[in-house]
Amino acid sequence: MIDIHSHILPELDDGAGNIKESVEMARKAVEQGITDIIATPHYYKGKYDNDKEKVERKTWQLNRVLDELDIPLKVWPGQEIRISDELLEDYDNNSVMALNGSQYMLLELPSNHVPRYTERLIYDLQMKRITPIIAHPERNLEIIRNPHLLEELIWKGAYSQLTAGSITGKFGWRTRRFSKYLIHSGLTHFIASDAHNVGNRGFQIREAYKLVEKNMGQAVVNAFHVNAENVLYGMKVKESFL
């Protein structure tokens, strides 16, 4: 299993606080059946200044530790990038990166609204051959009120990624219900853990997939798995599989 969104790298954001916690998260990931994980620390200028070089260095260091401990997990570099009107400049300056050097970039919206420039940013990124993936839209208040906003972003060329904990009910029954709606409506393309620790923000990805299998069938689960693999290796993602 491949997880395309996690905060497993130590000492970078609100995820793993040190290398010991990173190792604990790695062990839990393996227990969940995860073999490959894309580390996506927050990139949020002025708060989390985790540029590409820093992320790649931390990823290499963690992989070395996991190899020494014989933990069968491979970590790949990425970022969860808070959208801003400076994002294109940051990309040109090599501060932000796509997931594992692919054409897919994980973007985070503010929690309470969708900025007016979002559609234009998606267009501009595509002009640079970058395909945006909107992280956890099910937790954005404006999208919850008006799912058509997410539909428009997807129509413009973006993909979306649900958090496993949203599907299992970790963020409440309303978020769980809305996540189910997004899956049934074909408005999401990935399920990822967004794991921050081994406690209240753990992986839960195996449990999420079991619920999707129960409600939608194994074929849909398989499609989510294939899409995650295609992101990791820079291949084309399946846009619709319902």
C-alpha atoms as a PDB file:
ATOM      1  CA  MET A   1       0.000   0.000   0.000  1.00  0.00           C
ATOM      2  CA  ILE A   2       1.177   3.528  -0.803  1.00  0.00           C
ATOM      3  CA  ASP A   3       0.364   6.567   1.336  1.00  0.00           C
ATOM      4  CA  ILE A   4       0.786   9.881  -0.501  1.00  0.00           C
ATOM      5  CA  HIS A   5       0.290  12.266   2.453  1.00  0.00           C
ATOM      6  CA  SER A   6       1.978  12.069   5.849  1.00  0.00           C
ATOM      7  CA  HIS A   7       3.901  14.133   8.365  1.00  0.00           C
ATOM      8  CA  ILE A   8       6.449  11.483   9.272  1.00  0.00           C
ATOM      9  CA  LEU A   9       9.621  13.568   8.937  1.00  0.00           C
ATOM     10  CA  PRO A  10      10.958  14.752  12.297  1.00  0.00           C
ATOM     11  CA  GLU A  11      11.228  18.313  13.589  1.00  0.00           C
ATOM     12  CA  LEU A  12       9.669  20.043  10.587  1.00  0.00           C
ATOM     13  CA  ASP A  13       6.047  20.801  11.426  1.00  0.00           C
ATOM     14  CA  ASP A  14       3.201  19.598  13.651  1.00  0.00           C
ATOM     15  CA  GLY A  15       3.994  15.986  12.802  1.00  0.00           C
ATOM     16  CA  ALA A  16       6.781  13.827  14.245  1.00  0.00           C
ATOM     17  CA  GLY A  17       8.661  15.822  16.869  1.00  0.00           C
ATOM     18  CA  ASN A  18      11.872  13.789  16.720  1.00  0.00           C
ATOM     19  CA  ILE A  19      13.424  10.783  15.019  1.00  0.00           C
ATOM     20  CA  LYS A  20      12.060   8.417  17.677  1.00  0.00           C
ATOM     21  CA  GLU A  21       8.511   9.489  16.851  1.00  0.00           C
ATOM     22  CA  SER A  22       9.257   9.105  13.136  1.00  0.00           C
ATOM     23  CA  VAL A  23      10.377   5.523  13.746  1.00  0.00           C
ATOM     24  CA  GLU A  24       7.243   4.823  15.796  1.00  0.00           C
ATOM     25  CA  MET A  25       5.145   6.156  12.933  1.00  0.00           C
ATOM     26  CA  ALA A  26       7.069   4.012  10.466  1.00  0.00           C
ATOM     27  CA  ARG A  27       6.373   0.877  12.492  1.00  0.00           C
ATOM     28  CA  LYS A  28       2.668   1.737  12.636  1.00  0.00           C
ATOM     29  CA  ALA A  29       2.630   2.359   8.905  1.00  0.00           C
ATOM     30  CA  VAL A  30       4.065  -1.100   8.267  1.00  0.00           C
ATOM     31  CA  GLU A  31       1.426  -2.604  10.566  1.00  0.00           C
ATOM     32  CA  GLN A  32      -1.190  -0.912   8.393  1.00  0.00           C
ATOM     33  CA  GLY A  33       0.247  -2.580   5.296  1.00  0.00           C
ATOM     34  CA  ILE A  34       1.997   0.511   3.956  1.00  0.00           C
ATOM     35  CA  THR A  35       5.186  -0.159   1.988  1.00  0.00           C
ATOM     36  CA  ASP A  36       5.849   3.318   0.595  1.00  0.00           C
ATOM     37  CA  ILE A  37       4.996   6.685   2.077  1.00  0.00           C
ATOM     38  CA  ILE A  38       5.393  10.171   0.673  1.00  0.00           C
ATOM     39  CA  ALA A  39       6.518  12.559   3.387  1.00  0.00           C
ATOM     40  CA  THR A  40       4.597  15.797   2.990  1.00  0.00           C
ATOM     41  CA  PRO A  41       5.587  18.272   5.701  1.00  0.00           C
ATOM     42  CA  HIS A  42       3.750  21.569   5.616  1.00  0.00           C
ATOM     43  CA  TYR A  43       5.182  24.299   3.432  1.00  0.00           C
ATOM     44  CA  TYR A  44       3.586  27.480   4.735  1.00  0.00           C
ATOM     45  CA  LYS A  45       5.787  30.550   4.383  1.00  0.00           C
ATOM     46  CA  GLY A  46       6.420  32.324   7.654  1.00  0.00           C
ATOM     47  CA  LYS A  47       5.229  29.333   9.687  1.00  0.00           C
ATOM     48  CA  TYR A  48       6.694  26.159   8.186  1.00  0.00           C
ATOM     49  CA  ASP A  49       9.564  27.080   5.881  1.00  0.00           C
ATOM     50  CA  ASN A  50      10.277  23.535   4.759  1.00  0.00           C
ATOM     51  CA  ASP A  51      11.829  24.043   1.362  1.00  0.00           C
ATOM     52  CA  LYS A  52      12.634  21.310  -1.123  1.00  0.00           C
ATOM     53  CA  GLU A  53      16.277  20.918  -0.086  1.00  0.00           C
ATOM     54  CA  LYS A  54      15.417  20.517   3.601  1.00  0.00           C
ATOM     55  CA  VAL A  55      12.705  17.944   2.878  1.00  0.00           C
ATOM     56  CA  GLU A  56      14.970  15.889   0.643  1.00  0.00           C
ATOM     57  CA  ARG A  57      17.729  15.916   3.262  1.00  0.00           C
ATOM     58  CA  LYS A  58      15.376  14.847   6.071  1.00  0.00           C
ATOM     59  CA  THR A  59      13.906  12.118   3.866  1.00  0.00           C
ATOM     60  CA  TRP A  60      17.346  10.697   3.151  1.00  0.00           C
ATOM     61  CA  GLN A  61      18.233  10.746   6.850  1.00  0.00           C
ATOM     62  CA  LEU A  62      15.035   8.958   7.869  1.00  0.00           C
ATOM     63  CA  ASN A  63      15.437   6.290   5.190  1.00  0.00           C
ATOM     64  CA  ARG A  64      18.945   5.607   6.463  1.00  0.00           C
ATOM     65  CA  VAL A  65      17.619   5.078  10.009  1.00  0.00           C
ATOM     66  CA  LEU A  66      14.811   2.814   8.790  1.00  0.00           C
ATOM     67  CA  ASP A  67      17.322   0.732   6.831  1.00  0.00           C
ATOM     68  CA  GLU A  68      19.513   0.371   9.917  1.00  0.00           C
ATOM     69  CA  LEU A  69      16.504  -0.806  11.940  1.00  0.00           C
ATOM     70  CA  ASP A  70      15.311  -3.171   9.185  1.00  0.00           C
ATOM     71  CA  ILE A  71      11.929  -1.464   9.008  1.00  0.00           C
ATOM     72  CA  PRO A  72      10.460  -2.322   5.571  1.00  0.00           C
ATOM     73  CA  LEU A  73       9.219   1.135   4.671  1.00  0.00           C
ATOM     74  CA  LYS A  74      10.471   3.465   1.958  1.00  0.00           C
ATOM     75  CA  VAL A  75       9.954   7.204   2.431  1.00  0.00           C
ATOM     76  CA  TRP A  76       9.794   9.568  -0.525  1.00  0.00           C
ATOM     77  CA  PRO A  77       9.994  13.395  -0.528  1.00  0.00           C
ATOM     78  CA  GLY A  78       7.082  15.771  -0.983  1.00  0.00           C
ATOM     79  CA  GLN A  79       5.317  18.732   0.594  1.00  0.00           C
ATOM     80  CA  GLU A  80       1.830  19.800   1.591  1.00  0.00           C
ATOM     81  CA  ILE A  81       1.869  23.326   0.206  1.00  0.00           C
ATOM     82  CA  ARG A  82      -0.462  26.003   1.543  1.00  0.00           C
ATOM     83  CA  ILE A  83      -1.705  27.859  -1.490  1.00  0.00           C
ATOM     84  CA  SER A  84      -0.708  31.486  -1.848  1.00  0.00           C
ATOM     85  CA  ASP A  85      -0.212  34.064  -4.552  1.00  0.00           C
ATOM     86  CA  GLU A  86       3.536  33.450  -4.187  1.00  0.00           C
ATOM     87  CA  LEU A  87       3.391  29.729  -4.957  1.00  0.00           C
ATOM     88  CA  LEU A  88       4.418  30.024  -8.600  1.00  0.00           C
ATOM     89  CA  GLU A  89       7.402  32.149  -7.640  1.00  0.00           C
ATOM     90  CA  ASP A  90       8.353  29.614  -4.965  1.00  0.00           C
ATOM     91  CA  TYR A  91       8.151  26.854  -7.566  1.00  0.00           C
ATOM     92  CA  ASP A  92      10.355  28.765  -9.990  1.00  0.00           C
ATOM     93  CA  ASN A  93      12.834  29.352  -7.134  1.00  0.00           C
ATOM     94  CA  ASN A  94      12.923  25.602  -6.429  1.00  0.00           C
ATOM     95  CA  SER A  95      11.524  26.063  -2.905  1.00  0.00           C
ATOM     96  CA  VAL A  96       8.449  23.909  -3.453  1.00  0.00           C
ATOM     97  CA  MET A  97       8.270  20.540  -5.105  1.00  0.00           C
ATOM     98  CA  ALA A  98       5.867  18.036  -6.547  1.00  0.00           C
ATOM     99  CA  LEU A  99       5.362  14.655  -4.900  1.00  0.00           C
ATOM    100  CA  ASN A 100       8.531  12.595  -5.359  1.00  0.00           C
ATOM    101  CA  GLY A 101       9.505  14.746  -8.320  1.00  0.00           C
ATOM    102  CA  SER A 102       6.400  13.722 -10.268  1.00  0.00           C
ATOM    103  CA  GLN A 103       3.965  16.063 -11.984  1.00  0.00           C
ATOM    104  CA  TYR A 104       1.602  15.976  -8.978  1.00  0.00           C
ATOM    105  CA  MET A 105       1.668  18.696  -6.313  1.00  0.00           C
ATOM    106  CA  LEU A 106      -0.224  18.444  -3.009  1.00  0.00           C
ATOM    107  CA  LEU A 107      -1.969  21.714  -2.153  1.00  0.00           C
ATOM    108  CA  GLU A 108      -3.681  22.737   1.064  1.00  0.00           C
ATOM    109  CA  LEU A 109      -6.544  25.229   1.129  1.00  0.00           C
ATOM    110  CA  PRO A 110      -7.328  27.390   4.149  1.00  0.00           C
ATOM    111  CA  SER A 111      -9.753  25.534   6.406  1.00  0.00           C
ATOM    112  CA  ASN A 112     -12.591  28.040   6.160  1.00  0.00           C
ATOM    113  CA  HIS A 113     -12.698  29.186   2.533  1.00  0.00           C
ATOM    114  CA  VAL A 114     -11.478  28.737  -1.037  1.00  0.00           C
ATOM    115  CA  PRO A 115      -9.389  31.751  -2.122  1.00  0.00           C
ATOM    116  CA  ARG A 116     -10.632  33.559  -5.217  1.00  0.00           C
ATOM    117  CA  TYR A 117      -7.359  32.973  -7.057  1.00  0.00           C
ATOM    118  CA  THR A 118      -7.490  29.169  -6.660  1.00  0.00           C
ATOM    119  CA  GLU A 119      -8.826  28.408 -10.146  1.00  0.00           C
ATOM    120  CA  ARG A 120      -6.250  30.698 -11.744  1.00  0.00           C
ATOM    121  CA  LEU A 121      -3.482  29.066  -9.729  1.00  0.00           C
ATOM    122  CA  ILE A 122      -4.579  25.626 -10.884  1.00  0.00           C
ATOM    123  CA  TYR A 123      -4.458  26.839 -14.475  1.00  0.00           C
ATOM    124  CA  ASP A 124      -1.031  28.433 -14.057  1.00  0.00           C
ATOM    125  CA  LEU A 125       0.389  25.277 -12.468  1.00  0.00           C
ATOM    126  CA  GLN A 126      -0.886  23.192 -15.354  1.00  0.00           C
ATOM    127  CA  MET A 127       0.879  25.548 -17.738  1.00  0.00           C
ATOM    128  CA  LYS A 128       4.041  24.438 -15.929  1.00  0.00           C
ATOM    129  CA  ARG A 129       2.965  20.793 -16.375  1.00  0.00           C
ATOM    130  CA  ILE A 130       2.049  20.433 -12.713  1.00  0.00           C
ATOM    131  CA  THR A 131      -1.229  18.763 -11.711  1.00  0.00           C
ATOM    132  CA  PRO A 132      -2.571  19.940  -8.338  1.00  0.00           C
ATOM    133  CA  ILE A 133      -4.046  17.569  -5.773  1.00  0.00           C
ATOM    134  CA  ILE A 134      -6.325  19.301  -3.252  1.00  0.00           C
ATOM    135  CA  ALA A 135      -5.673  17.854   0.213  1.00  0.00           C
ATOM    136  CA  HIS A 136      -8.611  17.027   2.513  1.00  0.00           C
ATOM    137  CA  PRO A 137     -11.339  19.121   0.804  1.00  0.00           C
ATOM    138  CA  GLU A 138     -13.869  17.394   3.058  1.00  0.00           C
ATOM    139  CA  ARG A 139     -12.625  19.581   5.917  1.00  0.00           C
ATOM    140  CA  ASN A 140     -12.920  22.912   4.079  1.00  0.00           C
ATOM    141  CA  LEU A 141     -15.951  24.793   5.394  1.00  0.00           C
ATOM    142  CA  GLU A 142     -16.774  26.539   2.124  1.00  0.00           C
ATOM    143  CA  ILE A 143     -16.608  23.298   0.137  1.00  0.00           C
ATOM    144  CA  ILE A 144     -18.809  21.589   2.725  1.00  0.00           C
ATOM    145  CA  ARG A 145     -21.407  24.318   2.226  1.00  0.00           C
ATOM    146  CA  ASN A 146     -21.019  24.264  -1.556  1.00  0.00           C
ATOM    147  CA  PRO A 147     -19.521  21.043  -3.000  1.00  0.00           C
ATOM    148  CA  HIS A 148     -19.871  22.579  -6.467  1.00  0.00           C
ATOM    149  CA  LEU A 149     -16.700  24.554  -5.696  1.00  0.00           C
ATOM    150  CA  LEU A 150     -14.699  21.319  -5.533  1.00  0.00           C
ATOM    151  CA  GLU A 151     -16.417  20.061  -8.662  1.00  0.00           C
ATOM    152  CA  GLU A 152     -15.286  23.228 -10.453  1.00  0.00           C
ATOM    153  CA  LEU A 153     -11.677  22.790  -9.319  1.00  0.00           C
ATOM    154  CA  ILE A 154     -11.689  19.198 -10.539  1.00  0.00           C
ATOM    155  CA  TRP A 155     -13.265  20.246 -13.825  1.00  0.00           C
ATOM    156  CA  LYS A 156     -10.429  22.772 -14.185  1.00  0.00           C
ATOM    157  CA  GLY A 157      -7.891  19.954 -13.872  1.00  0.00           C
ATOM    158  CA  ALA A 158      -7.224  19.344 -10.172  1.00  0.00           C
ATOM    159  CA  TYR A 159      -7.593  16.093  -8.247  1.00  0.00           C
ATOM    160  CA  SER A 160      -8.616  15.666  -4.628  1.00  0.00           C
ATOM    161  CA  GLN A 161      -7.460  13.518  -1.698  1.00  0.00           C
ATOM    162  CA  LEU A 162      -9.554  12.443   1.273  1.00  0.00           C
ATOM    163  CA  THR A 163      -8.066  11.831   4.699  1.00  0.00           C
ATOM    164  CA  ALA A 164      -8.522   8.289   6.013  1.00  0.00           C
ATOM    165  CA  GLY A 165      -9.640   9.586   9.406  1.00  0.00           C
ATOM    166  CA  SER A 166     -12.440  11.542   7.746  1.00  0.00           C
ATOM    167  CA  ILE A 167     -13.803   8.295   6.316  1.00  0.00           C
ATOM    168  CA  THR A 168     -13.559   6.434   9.625  1.00  0.00           C
ATOM    169  CA  GLY A 169     -15.263   9.209  11.578  1.00  0.00           C
ATOM    170  CA  LYS A 170     -12.210  10.610  13.356  1.00  0.00           C
ATOM    171  CA  PHE A 171     -13.303  14.161  12.512  1.00  0.00           C
ATOM    172  CA  GLY A 172     -16.966  13.623  13.356  1.00  0.00           C
ATOM    173  CA  TRP A 173     -20.040  12.182  11.698  1.00  0.00           C
ATOM    174  CA  ARG A 174     -20.634  15.199   9.453  1.00  0.00           C
ATOM    175  CA  THR A 175     -17.164  14.942   7.938  1.00  0.00           C
ATOM    176  CA  ARG A 176     -17.614  11.193   7.571  1.00  0.00           C
ATOM    177  CA  ARG A 177     -20.942  11.677   5.782  1.00  0.00           C
ATOM    178  CA  PHE A 178     -19.500  14.337   3.483  1.00  0.00           C
ATOM    179  CA  SER A 179     -16.502  12.126   2.670  1.00  0.00           C
ATOM    180  CA  LYS A 180     -18.862   9.330   1.682  1.00  0.00           C
ATOM    181  CA  TYR A 181     -20.754  11.779  -0.527  1.00  0.00           C
ATOM    182  CA  LEU A 182     -17.541  12.877  -2.274  1.00  0.00           C
ATOM    183  CA  ILE A 183     -16.570   9.276  -3.004  1.00  0.00           C
ATOM    184  CA  HIS A 184     -20.035   8.384  -4.325  1.00  0.00           C
ATOM    185  CA  SER A 185     -20.037  11.550  -6.450  1.00  0.00           C
ATOM    186  CA  GLY A 186     -16.672  10.800  -8.033  1.00  0.00           C
ATOM    187  CA  LEU A 187     -15.146  13.951  -6.564  1.00  0.00           C
ATOM    188  CA  THR A 188     -12.102  12.349  -5.014  1.00  0.00           C
ATOM    189  CA  HIS A 189      -9.213  10.371  -6.442  1.00  0.00           C
ATOM    190  CA  PHE A 190      -7.025   9.406  -3.470  1.00  0.00           C
ATOM    191  CA  ILE A 191      -7.253   8.267   0.118  1.00  0.00           C
ATOM    192  CA  ALA A 192      -4.250   9.071   2.302  1.00  0.00           C
ATOM    193  CA  SER A 193      -3.500   9.038   6.006  1.00  0.00           C
ATOM    194  CA  ASP A 194      -2.367  12.623   6.671  1.00  0.00           C
ATOM    195  CA  ALA A 195      -0.800  10.958   9.723  1.00  0.00           C
ATOM    196  CA  HIS A 196       0.906  13.266  12.212  1.00  0.00           C
ATOM    197  CA  ASN A 197       1.674  10.818  15.029  1.00  0.00           C
ATOM    198  CA  VAL A 198       0.749   7.398  16.413  1.00  0.00           C
ATOM    199  CA  GLY A 199      -1.942   8.775  18.727  1.00  0.00           C
ATOM    200  CA  ASN A 200      -4.833  11.033  17.863  1.00  0.00           C
ATOM    201  CA  ARG A 201      -3.620  11.645  14.290  1.00  0.00           C
ATOM    202  CA  GLY A 202      -2.585   8.151  13.290  1.00  0.00           C
ATOM    203  CA  PHE A 203      -2.818   6.346   9.959  1.00  0.00           C
ATOM    204  CA  GLN A 204      -6.229   4.585   9.939  1.00  0.00           C
ATOM    205  CA  ILE A 205      -5.812   3.983   6.233  1.00  0.00           C
ATOM    206  CA  ARG A 206      -6.474   0.243   6.413  1.00  0.00           C
ATOM    207  CA  GLU A 207      -9.715   0.898   8.289  1.00  0.00           C
ATOM    208  CA  ALA A 208     -10.743   3.543   5.758  1.00  0.00           C
ATOM    209  CA  TYR A 209     -10.216   1.190   2.840  1.00  0.00           C
ATOM    210  CA  LYS A 210     -12.276  -1.496   4.570  1.00  0.00           C
ATOM    211  CA  LEU A 211     -15.182   0.934   4.849  1.00  0.00           C
ATOM    212  CA  VAL A 212     -14.853   1.919   1.193  1.00  0.00           C
ATOM    213  CA  GLU A 213     -14.800  -1.750   0.208  1.00  0.00           C
ATOM    214  CA  LYS A 214     -17.943  -2.376   2.251  1.00  0.00           C
ATOM    215  CA  ASN A 215     -19.813   0.552   0.713  1.00  0.00           C
ATOM    216  CA  MET A 216     -18.405   0.703  -2.812  1.00  0.00           C
ATOM    217  CA  GLY A 217     -16.741  -2.619  -3.564  1.00  0.00           C
ATOM    218  CA  GLN A 218     -13.209  -3.898  -4.072  1.00  0.00           C
ATOM    219  CA  ALA A 219     -12.894  -2.423  -7.563  1.00  0.00           C
ATOM    220  CA  VAL A 220     -13.099   1.117  -6.177  1.00  0.00           C
ATOM    221  CA  VAL A 221     -10.517   0.289  -3.502  1.00  0.00           C
ATOM    222  CA  ASN A 222      -8.217  -1.108  -6.179  1.00  0.00           C
ATOM    223  CA  ALA A 223      -8.601   2.084  -8.219  1.00  0.00           C
ATOM    224  CA  PHE A 224      -7.595   4.219  -5.237  1.00  0.00           C
ATOM    225  CA  HIS A 225      -4.525   2.008  -4.740  1.00  0.00           C
ATOM    226  CA  VAL A 226      -3.542   2.282  -8.401  1.00  0.00           C
ATOM    227  CA  ASN A 227      -3.914   6.057  -8.348  1.00  0.00           C
ATOM    228  CA  ALA A 228      -1.612   6.334  -5.324  1.00  0.00           C
ATOM    229  CA  GLU A 229       0.960   4.161  -7.078  1.00  0.00           C
ATOM    230  CA  ASN A 230       0.694   6.253 -10.229  1.00  0.00           C
ATOM    231  CA  VAL A 231       1.357   9.446  -8.271  1.00  0.00           C
ATOM    232  CA  LEU A 232       4.443   7.951  -6.658  1.00  0.00           C
ATOM    233  CA  TYR A 233       5.888   6.917 -10.009  1.00  0.00           C
ATOM    234  CA  GLY A 234       4.679   9.899 -12.043  1.00  0.00           C
ATOM    235  CA  MET A 235       2.159   8.013 -14.162  1.00  0.00           C
ATOM    236  CA  LYS A 236      -1.303   9.078 -15.311  1.00  0.00           C
ATOM    237  CA  VAL A 237      -4.011   9.043 -12.661  1.00  0.00           C
ATOM    238  CA  LYS A 238      -7.430   7.589 -13.368  1.00  0.00           C
ATOM    239  CA  GLU A 239      -9.911  10.468 -13.249  1.00  0.00           C
ATOM    240  CA  SER A 240     -13.092   8.446 -12.791  1.00  0.00           C
ATOM    241  CA  PHE A 241     -13.572   4.867 -11.636  1.00  0.00           C
ATOM    242  CA  LEU A 242     -17.183   4.638 -10.505  1.00  0.00           C
END
